[in-house]
Amino acid sequence: MPGALWIAHVEVTDAEAYGRYAKLAGGPIADHGGKFLARGGRYVQLEGNDRARNVVARFPSLEAAVACYNSPAYQEALSHAKGASIRDLVVVEEAE
């Protein structure tokens, strides 16, 4: 089964609230086998909408990434990001 990449492009509008999200989100992501590959590092925007924070995490499967997102622990973390950020999030299955 191929792994999957969780890719988020984020504009933080409330750093304090978003910081609470970031603290709480790491646990559920790790619990579902997720590992961060990029988390807010340097980037170059070549096309599309620029968002200053970009996050990529690898999960063992698309199903594991979606289960993480839907888990009560992640949803609790996400409640701090809502209203504190503008986000795009996609999960993409890796090529075999």
PDB file of N, CA and C in Angstrom:
ATOM      1  N   MET A   1       0.855  -1.180   0.000  1.00  0.00           N
ATOM      2  CA  MET A   1       0.000   0.000   0.000  1.00  0.00           C
ATOM      3  C   MET A   1       0.898   1.240   0.000  1.00  0.00           C
ATOM      4  N   PRO A   2       0.649   2.167  -0.923  1.00  0.00           N
ATOM      5  CA  PRO A   2       1.483   3.370  -0.971  1.00  0.00           C
ATOM      6  C   PRO A   2       1.221   4.302   0.207  1.00  0.00           C
ATOM      7  N   GLY A   3       2.234   5.060   0.544  1.00  0.00           N
ATOM      8  CA  GLY A   3       2.094   6.087   1.575  1.00  0.00           C
ATOM      9  C   GLY A   3       1.327   7.274   1.017  1.00  0.00           C
ATOM     10  N   ALA A   4       1.172   8.285   1.851  1.00  0.00           N
ATOM     11  CA  ALA A   4       0.444   9.478   1.434  1.00  0.00           C
ATOM     12  C   ALA A   4       1.101  10.714   2.034  1.00  0.00           C
ATOM     13  N   LEU A   5       0.975  11.812   1.329  1.00  0.00           N
ATOM     14  CA  LEU A   5       1.499  13.092   1.794  1.00  0.00           C
ATOM     15  C   LEU A   5       0.347  14.016   2.158  1.00  0.00           C
ATOM     16  N   TRP A   6       0.438  14.586   3.344  1.00  0.00           N
ATOM     17  CA  TRP A   6      -0.515  15.574   3.860  1.00  0.00           C
ATOM     18  C   TRP A   6       0.162  16.908   3.605  1.00  0.00           C
ATOM     19  N   ILE A   7      -0.433  17.744   2.763  1.00  0.00           N
ATOM     20  CA  ILE A   7       0.193  18.992   2.338  1.00  0.00           C
ATOM     21  C   ILE A   7      -0.718  20.149   2.720  1.00  0.00           C
ATOM     22  N   ALA A   8      -0.211  21.032   3.542  1.00  0.00           N
ATOM     23  CA  ALA A   8      -0.989  22.189   4.001  1.00  0.00           C
ATOM     24  C   ALA A   8      -0.273  23.472   3.619  1.00  0.00           C
ATOM     25  N   HIS A   9      -1.045  24.432   3.134  1.00  0.00           N
ATOM     26  CA  HIS A   9      -0.563  25.784   2.844  1.00  0.00           C
ATOM     27  C   HIS A   9      -1.379  26.705   3.739  1.00  0.00           C
ATOM     28  N   VAL A  10      -0.695  27.468   4.580  1.00  0.00           N
ATOM     29  CA  VAL A  10      -1.388  28.181   5.660  1.00  0.00           C
ATOM     30  C   VAL A  10      -0.954  29.642   5.726  1.00  0.00           C
ATOM     31  N   GLU A  11      -1.927  30.500   5.931  1.00  0.00           N
ATOM     32  CA  GLU A  11      -1.676  31.893   6.303  1.00  0.00           C
ATOM     33  C   GLU A  11      -2.201  32.053   7.728  1.00  0.00           C
ATOM     34  N   VAL A  12      -1.321  32.297   8.653  1.00  0.00           N
ATOM     35  CA  VAL A  12      -1.697  32.440  10.057  1.00  0.00           C
ATOM     36  C   VAL A  12      -2.204  33.860  10.287  1.00  0.00           C
ATOM     37  N   THR A  13      -3.400  33.977  10.874  1.00  0.00           N
ATOM     38  CA  THR A  13      -3.985  35.291  11.155  1.00  0.00           C
ATOM     39  C   THR A  13      -4.032  35.582  12.658  1.00  0.00           C
ATOM     40  N   ASP A  14      -3.847  34.562  13.477  1.00  0.00           N
ATOM     41  CA  ASP A  14      -3.802  34.714  14.940  1.00  0.00           C
ATOM     42  C   ASP A  14      -2.736  33.757  15.460  1.00  0.00           C
ATOM     43  N   ALA A  15      -1.523  34.286  15.659  1.00  0.00           N
ATOM     44  CA  ALA A  15      -0.377  33.443  16.012  1.00  0.00           C
ATOM     45  C   ALA A  15      -0.566  32.707  17.330  1.00  0.00           C
ATOM     46  N   GLU A  16      -1.182  33.324  18.310  1.00  0.00           N
ATOM     47  CA  GLU A  16      -1.363  32.679  19.614  1.00  0.00           C
ATOM     48  C   GLU A  16      -2.280  31.460  19.496  1.00  0.00           C
ATOM     49  N   ALA A  17      -3.423  31.634  18.866  1.00  0.00           N
ATOM     50  CA  ALA A  17      -4.361  30.517  18.702  1.00  0.00           C
ATOM     51  C   ALA A  17      -3.762  29.442  17.808  1.00  0.00           C
ATOM     52  N   TYR A  18      -3.086  29.844  16.739  1.00  0.00           N
ATOM     53  CA  TYR A  18      -2.491  28.859  15.843  1.00  0.00           C
ATOM     54  C   TYR A  18      -1.376  28.091  16.544  1.00  0.00           C
ATOM     55  N   GLY A  19      -0.674  28.747  17.443  1.00  0.00           N
ATOM     56  CA  GLY A  19       0.356  28.069  18.237  1.00  0.00           C
ATOM     57  C   GLY A  19      -0.238  26.949  19.086  1.00  0.00           C
ATOM     58  N   ARG A  20      -1.443  27.177  19.627  1.00  0.00           N
ATOM     59  CA  ARG A  20      -2.120  26.112  20.381  1.00  0.00           C
ATOM     60  C   ARG A  20      -2.440  24.934  19.463  1.00  0.00           C
ATOM     61  N   TYR A  21      -2.915  25.241  18.262  1.00  0.00           N
ATOM     62  CA  TYR A  21      -3.175  24.177  17.287  1.00  0.00           C
ATOM     63  C   TYR A  21      -1.894  23.379  17.023  1.00  0.00           C
ATOM     64  N   ALA A  22      -0.810  24.072  16.718  1.00  0.00           N
ATOM     65  CA  ALA A  22       0.441  23.403  16.367  1.00  0.00           C
ATOM     66  C   ALA A  22       0.928  22.500  17.499  1.00  0.00           C
ATOM     67  N   LYS A  23       0.793  22.950  18.737  1.00  0.00           N
ATOM     68  CA  LYS A  23       1.199  22.127  19.882  1.00  0.00           C
ATOM     69  C   LYS A  23       0.365  20.867  19.999  1.00  0.00           C
ATOM     70  N   LEU A  24      -0.934  21.007  19.790  1.00  0.00           N
ATOM     71  CA  LEU A  24      -1.842  19.872  19.972  1.00  0.00           C
ATOM     72  C   LEU A  24      -1.878  18.929  18.771  1.00  0.00           C
ATOM     73  N   ALA A  25      -1.577  19.405  17.585  1.00  0.00           N
ATOM     74  CA  ALA A  25      -1.718  18.589  16.374  1.00  0.00           C
ATOM     75  C   ALA A  25      -0.628  17.528  16.229  1.00  0.00           C
ATOM     76  N   GLY A  26       0.541  17.781  16.768  1.00  0.00           N
ATOM     77  CA  GLY A  26       1.654  16.850  16.595  1.00  0.00           C
ATOM     78  C   GLY A  26       1.381  15.465  17.147  1.00  0.00           C
ATOM     79  N   GLY A  27       0.724  15.384  18.285  1.00  0.00           N
ATOM     80  CA  GLY A  27       0.428  14.084  18.895  1.00  0.00           C
ATOM     81  C   GLY A  27      -0.451  13.209  18.028  1.00  0.00           C
ATOM     82  N   PRO A  28      -1.627  13.687  17.610  1.00  0.00           N
ATOM     83  CA  PRO A  28      -2.482  12.863  16.756  1.00  0.00           C
ATOM     84  C   PRO A  28      -1.824  12.491  15.428  1.00  0.00           C
ATOM     85  N   ILE A  29      -1.033  13.403  14.874  1.00  0.00           N
ATOM     86  CA  ILE A  29      -0.343  13.092  13.619  1.00  0.00           C
ATOM     87  C   ILE A  29       0.629  11.938  13.842  1.00  0.00           C
ATOM     88  N   ALA A  30       1.430  12.007  14.885  1.00  0.00           N
ATOM     89  CA  ALA A  30       2.363  10.914  15.190  1.00  0.00           C
ATOM     90  C   ALA A  30       1.619   9.622  15.519  1.00  0.00           C
ATOM     91  N   ASP A  31       0.520   9.728  16.248  1.00  0.00           N
ATOM     92  CA  ASP A  31      -0.260   8.538  16.620  1.00  0.00           C
ATOM     93  C   ASP A  31      -0.798   7.793  15.405  1.00  0.00           C
ATOM     94  N   HIS A  32      -0.973   8.494  14.292  1.00  0.00           N
ATOM     95  CA  HIS A  32      -1.470   7.863  13.069  1.00  0.00           C
ATOM     96  C   HIS A  32      -0.342   7.551  12.091  1.00  0.00           C
ATOM     97  N   GLY A  33       0.881   7.572  12.589  1.00  0.00           N
ATOM     98  CA  GLY A  33       2.030   7.207  11.766  1.00  0.00           C
ATOM     99  C   GLY A  33       2.589   8.331  10.930  1.00  0.00           C
ATOM    100  N   GLY A  34       2.133   9.565  11.168  1.00  0.00           N
ATOM    101  CA  GLY A  34       2.607  10.697  10.393  1.00  0.00           C
ATOM    102  C   GLY A  34       3.969  11.173  10.853  1.00  0.00           C
ATOM    103  N   LYS A  35       4.766  11.595   9.890  1.00  0.00           N
ATOM    104  CA  LYS A  35       6.093  12.141  10.177  1.00  0.00           C
ATOM    105  C   LYS A  35       6.267  13.411   9.350  1.00  0.00           C
ATOM    106  N   PHE A  36       6.665  14.497   9.999  1.00  0.00           N
ATOM    107  CA  PHE A  36       6.833  15.764   9.293  1.00  0.00           C
ATOM    108  C   PHE A  36       8.066  15.724   8.392  1.00  0.00           C
ATOM    109  N   LEU A  37       7.885  16.139   7.144  1.00  0.00           N
ATOM    110  CA  LEU A  37       8.984  16.271   6.194  1.00  0.00           C
ATOM    111  C   LEU A  37       9.373  17.731   6.026  1.00  0.00           C
ATOM    112  N   ALA A  38       8.393  18.625   6.130  1.00  0.00           N
ATOM    113  CA  ALA A  38       8.622  20.068   6.050  1.00  0.00           C
ATOM    114  C   ALA A  38       7.607  20.731   6.955  1.00  0.00           C
ATOM    115  N   ARG A  39       8.053  21.744   7.666  1.00  0.00           N
ATOM    116  CA  ARG A  39       7.164  22.407   8.618  1.00  0.00           C
ATOM    117  C   ARG A  39       7.563  23.868   8.760  1.00  0.00           C
ATOM    118  N   GLY A  40       7.058  24.703   7.830  1.00  0.00           N
ATOM    119  CA  GLY A  40       7.286  26.135   7.937  1.00  0.00           C
ATOM    120  C   GLY A  40       8.673  26.593   7.549  1.00  0.00           C
ATOM    121  N   GLY A  41       9.410  25.805   6.778  1.00  0.00           N
ATOM    122  CA  GLY A  41      10.759  26.199   6.381  1.00  0.00           C
ATOM    123  C   GLY A  41      10.773  27.146   5.195  1.00  0.00           C
ATOM    124  N   ARG A  42      11.948  27.394   4.693  1.00  0.00           N
ATOM    125  CA  ARG A  42      12.117  28.266   3.532  1.00  0.00           C
ATOM    126  C   ARG A  42      11.403  27.665   2.324  1.00  0.00           C
ATOM    127  N   TYR A  43      10.933  28.541   1.452  1.00  0.00           N
ATOM    128  CA  TYR A  43      10.263  28.078   0.240  1.00  0.00           C
ATOM    129  C   TYR A  43      10.359  29.148  -0.831  1.00  0.00           C
ATOM    130  N   VAL A  44      10.058  28.761  -2.050  1.00  0.00           N
ATOM    131  CA  VAL A  44       9.973  29.685  -3.175  1.00  0.00           C
ATOM    132  C   VAL A  44       8.612  29.447  -3.824  1.00  0.00           C
ATOM    133  N   GLN A  45       7.792  30.467  -3.894  1.00  0.00           N
ATOM    134  CA  GLN A  45       6.473  30.368  -4.522  1.00  0.00           C
ATOM    135  C   GLN A  45       6.646  30.571  -6.012  1.00  0.00           C
ATOM    136  N   LEU A  46       6.379  29.547  -6.806  1.00  0.00           N
ATOM    137  CA  LEU A  46       6.548  29.651  -8.251  1.00  0.00           C
ATOM    138  C   LEU A  46       5.242  29.893  -8.990  1.00  0.00           C
ATOM    139  N   GLU A  47       4.136  29.371  -8.452  1.00  0.00           N
ATOM    140  CA  GLU A  47       2.827  29.564  -9.072  1.00  0.00           C
ATOM    141  C   GLU A  47       1.766  29.561  -7.984  1.00  0.00           C
ATOM    142  N   GLY A  48       0.594  30.072  -8.304  1.00  0.00           N
ATOM    143  CA  GLY A  48      -0.556  29.977  -7.407  1.00  0.00           C
ATOM    144  C   GLY A  48      -0.501  30.954  -6.250  1.00  0.00           C
ATOM    145  N   ASN A  49      -1.307  30.659  -5.238  1.00  0.00           N
ATOM    146  CA  ASN A  49      -1.464  31.524  -4.068  1.00  0.00           C
ATOM    147  C   ASN A  49      -0.345  31.306  -3.064  1.00  0.00           C
ATOM    148  N   ASP A  50       0.229  32.397  -2.613  1.00  0.00           N
ATOM    149  CA  ASP A  50       1.307  32.337  -1.628  1.00  0.00           C
ATOM    150  C   ASP A  50       0.721  32.262  -0.224  1.00  0.00           C
ATOM    151  N   ARG A  51       1.167  31.293   0.542  1.00  0.00           N
ATOM    152  CA  ARG A  51       0.845  31.180   1.962  1.00  0.00           C
ATOM    153  C   ARG A  51       2.182  30.989   2.676  1.00  0.00           C
ATOM    154  N   ALA A  52       2.420  31.747   3.708  1.00  0.00           N
ATOM    155  CA  ALA A  52       3.746  31.805   4.326  1.00  0.00           C
ATOM    156  C   ALA A  52       4.146  30.530   5.059  1.00  0.00           C
ATOM    157  N   ARG A  53       3.179  29.696   5.442  1.00  0.00           N
ATOM    158  CA  ARG A  53       3.511  28.473   6.185  1.00  0.00           C
ATOM    159  C   ARG A  53       3.110  27.269   5.339  1.00  0.00           C
ATOM    160  N   ASN A  54       4.052  26.392   5.091  1.00  0.00           N
ATOM    161  CA  ASN A  54       3.820  25.191   4.289  1.00  0.00           C
ATOM    162  C   ASN A  54       4.261  23.984   5.100  1.00  0.00           C
ATOM    163  N   VAL A  55       3.400  22.976   5.160  1.00  0.00           N
ATOM    164  CA  VAL A  55       3.671  21.790   5.975  1.00  0.00           C
ATOM    165  C   VAL A  55       3.438  20.549   5.122  1.00  0.00           C
ATOM    166  N   VAL A  56       4.383  19.612   5.186  1.00  0.00           N
ATOM    167  CA  VAL A  56       4.238  18.322   4.515  1.00  0.00           C
ATOM    168  C   VAL A  56       4.535  17.238   5.537  1.00  0.00           C
ATOM    169  N   ALA A  57       3.608  16.279   5.645  1.00  0.00           N
ATOM    170  CA  ALA A  57       3.811  15.122   6.521  1.00  0.00           C
ATOM    171  C   ALA A  57       3.552  13.862   5.709  1.00  0.00           C
ATOM    172  N   ARG A  58       4.325  12.839   5.962  1.00  0.00           N
ATOM    173  CA  ARG A  58       4.134  11.549   5.290  1.00  0.00           C
ATOM    174  C   ARG A  58       3.401  10.613   6.243  1.00  0.00           C
ATOM    175  N   PHE A  59       2.398   9.930   5.726  1.00  0.00           N
ATOM    176  CA  PHE A  59       1.639   8.931   6.470  1.00  0.00           C
ATOM    177  C   PHE A  59       1.804   7.574   5.790  1.00  0.00           C
ATOM    178  N   PRO A  60       1.583   6.494   6.522  1.00  0.00           N
ATOM    179  CA  PRO A  60       1.738   5.165   5.919  1.00  0.00           C
ATOM    180  C   PRO A  60       0.710   4.868   4.824  1.00  0.00           C
ATOM    181  N   SER A  61      -0.403   5.574   4.819  1.00  0.00           N
ATOM    182  CA  SER A  61      -1.428   5.364   3.794  1.00  0.00           C
ATOM    183  C   SER A  61      -2.357   6.576   3.753  1.00  0.00           C
ATOM    184  N   LEU A  62      -3.097   6.686   2.670  1.00  0.00           N
ATOM    185  CA  LEU A  62      -4.097   7.737   2.543  1.00  0.00           C
ATOM    186  C   LEU A  62      -5.140   7.581   3.650  1.00  0.00           C
ATOM    187  N   GLU A  63      -5.520   6.339   3.923  1.00  0.00           N
ATOM    188  CA  GLU A  63      -6.525   6.070   4.958  1.00  0.00           C
ATOM    189  C   GLU A  63      -6.047   6.516   6.334  1.00  0.00           C
ATOM    190  N   ALA A  64      -4.761   6.314   6.636  1.00  0.00           N
ATOM    191  CA  ALA A  64      -4.223   6.737   7.935  1.00  0.00           C
ATOM    192  C   ALA A  64      -4.255   8.264   8.065  1.00  0.00           C
ATOM    193  N   ALA A  65      -3.942   8.963   6.982  1.00  0.00           N
ATOM    194  CA  ALA A  65      -3.960  10.426   7.019  1.00  0.00           C
ATOM    195  C   ALA A  65      -5.378  10.956   7.220  1.00  0.00           C
ATOM    196  N   VAL A  66      -6.339  10.365   6.526  1.00  0.00           N
ATOM    197  CA  VAL A  66      -7.729  10.801   6.663  1.00  0.00           C
ATOM    198  C   VAL A  66      -8.261  10.443   8.051  1.00  0.00           C
ATOM    199  N   ALA A  67      -7.879   9.267   8.564  1.00  0.00           N
ATOM    200  CA  ALA A  67      -8.294   8.884   9.923  1.00  0.00           C
ATOM    201  C   ALA A  67      -7.723   9.848  10.952  1.00  0.00           C
ATOM    202  N   CYS A  68      -6.497  10.303  10.742  1.00  0.00           N
ATOM    203  CA  CYS A  68      -5.903  11.295  11.630  1.00  0.00           C
ATOM    204  C   CYS A  68      -6.738  12.559  11.623  1.00  0.00           C
ATOM    205  N   TYR A  69      -7.034  13.068  10.426  1.00  0.00           N
ATOM    206  CA  TYR A  69      -7.800  14.309  10.307  1.00  0.00           C
ATOM    207  C   TYR A  69      -9.148  14.195  11.020  1.00  0.00           C
ATOM    208  N   ASN A  70      -9.798  13.065  10.889  1.00  0.00           N
ATOM    209  CA  ASN A  70     -11.127  12.869  11.469  1.00  0.00           C
ATOM    210  C   ASN A  70     -11.113  12.466  12.937  1.00  0.00           C
ATOM    211  N   SER A  71      -9.937  12.206  13.496  1.00  0.00           N
ATOM    212  CA  SER A  71      -9.860  11.748  14.888  1.00  0.00           C
ATOM    213  C   SER A  71     -10.278  12.852  15.857  1.00  0.00           C
ATOM    214  N   PRO A  72     -10.865  12.480  16.989  1.00  0.00           N
ATOM    215  CA  PRO A  72     -11.259  13.485  17.983  1.00  0.00           C
ATOM    216  C   PRO A  72     -10.085  14.357  18.450  1.00  0.00           C
ATOM    217  N   ALA A  73      -8.911  13.751  18.614  1.00  0.00           N
ATOM    218  CA  ALA A  73      -7.760  14.522  19.103  1.00  0.00           C
ATOM    219  C   ALA A  73      -7.327  15.575  18.081  1.00  0.00           C
ATOM    220  N   TYR A  74      -7.305  15.209  16.793  1.00  0.00           N
ATOM    221  CA  TYR A  74      -6.921  16.193  15.789  1.00  0.00           C
ATOM    222  C   TYR A  74      -8.000  17.257  15.640  1.00  0.00           C
ATOM    223  N   GLN A  75      -9.253  16.868  15.685  1.00  0.00           N
ATOM    224  CA  GLN A  75     -10.340  17.846  15.575  1.00  0.00           C
ATOM    225  C   GLN A  75     -10.296  18.848  16.728  1.00  0.00           C
ATOM    226  N   GLU A  76      -9.898  18.382  17.914  1.00  0.00           N
ATOM    227  CA  GLU A  76      -9.730  19.304  19.051  1.00  0.00           C
ATOM    228  C   GLU A  76      -8.620  20.309  18.743  1.00  0.00           C
ATOM    229  N   ALA A  77      -7.500  19.809  18.222  1.00  0.00           N
ATOM    230  CA  ALA A  77      -6.403  20.716  17.833  1.00  0.00           C
ATOM    231  C   ALA A  77      -6.871  21.689  16.760  1.00  0.00           C
ATOM    232  N   LEU A  78      -7.581  21.173  15.761  1.00  0.00           N
ATOM    233  CA  LEU A  78      -8.026  21.982  14.635  1.00  0.00           C
ATOM    234  C   LEU A  78      -8.968  23.100  15.069  1.00  0.00           C
ATOM    235  N   SER A  79      -9.677  22.906  16.152  1.00  0.00           N
ATOM    236  CA  SER A  79     -10.592  23.950  16.624  1.00  0.00           C
ATOM    237  C   SER A  79      -9.842  25.244  16.948  1.00  0.00           C
ATOM    238  N   HIS A  80      -8.558  25.147  17.266  1.00  0.00           N
ATOM    239  CA  HIS A  80      -7.744  26.336  17.554  1.00  0.00           C
ATOM    240  C   HIS A  80      -7.272  27.022  16.272  1.00  0.00           C
ATOM    241  N   ALA A  81      -7.173  26.270  15.165  1.00  0.00           N
ATOM    242  CA  ALA A  81      -6.722  26.840  13.898  1.00  0.00           C
ATOM    243  C   ALA A  81      -7.855  27.547  13.163  1.00  0.00           C
ATOM    244  N   LYS A  82      -9.078  27.080  13.394  1.00  0.00           N
ATOM    245  CA  LYS A  82     -10.224  27.698  12.722  1.00  0.00           C
ATOM    246  C   LYS A  82     -10.396  29.114  13.251  1.00  0.00           C
ATOM    247  N   GLY A  83     -10.474  30.066  12.368  1.00  0.00           N
ATOM    248  CA  GLY A  83     -10.555  31.462  12.764  1.00  0.00           C
ATOM    249  C   GLY A  83      -9.190  32.070  13.055  1.00  0.00           C
ATOM    250  N   ALA A  84      -8.154  31.242  13.080  1.00  0.00           N
ATOM    251  CA  ALA A  84      -6.804  31.725  13.345  1.00  0.00           C
ATOM    252  C   ALA A  84      -5.908  31.562  12.120  1.00  0.00           C
ATOM    253  N   SER A  85      -6.492  31.065  11.034  1.00  0.00           N
ATOM    254  CA  SER A  85      -5.694  30.825   9.839  1.00  0.00           C
ATOM    255  C   SER A  85      -6.598  30.663   8.627  1.00  0.00           C
ATOM    256  N   ILE A  86      -5.981  30.831   7.472  1.00  0.00           N
ATOM    257  CA  ILE A  86      -6.593  30.478   6.195  1.00  0.00           C
ATOM    258  C   ILE A  86      -5.761  29.310   5.690  1.00  0.00           C
ATOM    259  N   ARG A  87      -6.422  28.165   5.463  1.00  0.00           N
ATOM    260  CA  ARG A  87      -5.674  26.938   5.161  1.00  0.00           C
ATOM    261  C   ARG A  87      -6.224  26.231   3.935  1.00  0.00           C
ATOM    262  N   ASP A  88      -5.315  25.611   3.226  1.00  0.00           N
ATOM    263  CA  ASP A  88      -5.653  24.624   2.213  1.00  0.00           C
ATOM    264  C   ASP A  88      -4.942  23.352   2.651  1.00  0.00           C
ATOM    265  N   LEU A  89      -5.658  22.238   2.639  1.00  0.00           N
ATOM    266  CA  LEU A  89      -5.078  20.961   3.057  1.00  0.00           C
ATOM    267  C   LEU A  89      -5.510  19.899   2.073  1.00  0.00           C
ATOM    268  N   VAL A  90      -4.555  19.135   1.586  1.00  0.00           N
ATOM    269  CA  VAL A  90      -4.837  18.031   0.677  1.00  0.00           C
ATOM    270  C   VAL A  90      -4.003  16.836   1.116  1.00  0.00           C
ATOM    271  N   VAL A  91      -4.552  15.645   0.920  1.00  0.00           N
ATOM    272  CA  VAL A  91      -3.806  14.410   1.142  1.00  0.00           C
ATOM    273  C   VAL A  91      -3.657  13.746  -0.218  1.00  0.00           C
ATOM    274  N   VAL A  92      -2.424  13.436  -0.600  1.00  0.00           N
ATOM    275  CA  VAL A  92      -2.121  12.883  -1.912  1.00  0.00           C
ATOM    276  C   VAL A  92      -1.417  11.539  -1.731  1.00  0.00           C
ATOM    277  N   GLU A  93      -1.962  10.519  -2.370  1.00  0.00           N
ATOM    278  CA  GLU A  93      -1.318   9.204  -2.325  1.00  0.00           C
ATOM    279  C   GLU A  93      -0.033   9.230  -3.133  1.00  0.00           C
ATOM    280  N   GLU A  94       1.021   8.632  -2.588  1.00  0.00           N
ATOM    281  CA  GLU A  94       2.303   8.578  -3.282  1.00  0.00           C
ATOM    282  C   GLU A  94       2.246   7.563  -4.428  1.00  0.00           C
ATOM    283  N   ALA A  95       3.043   7.812  -5.446  1.00  0.00           N
ATOM    284  CA  ALA A  95       3.154   6.867  -6.559  1.00  0.00           C
ATOM    285  C   ALA A  95       3.849   5.604  -6.072  1.00  0.00           C
ATOM    286  N   GLU A  96       3.446   4.499  -6.612  1.00  0.00           N
ATOM    287  CA  GLU A  96       4.097   3.235  -6.227  1.00  0.00           C
ATOM    288  C   GLU A  96       5.343   3.027  -7.033  1.00  0.00           C
TER     289      GLU A  96
END
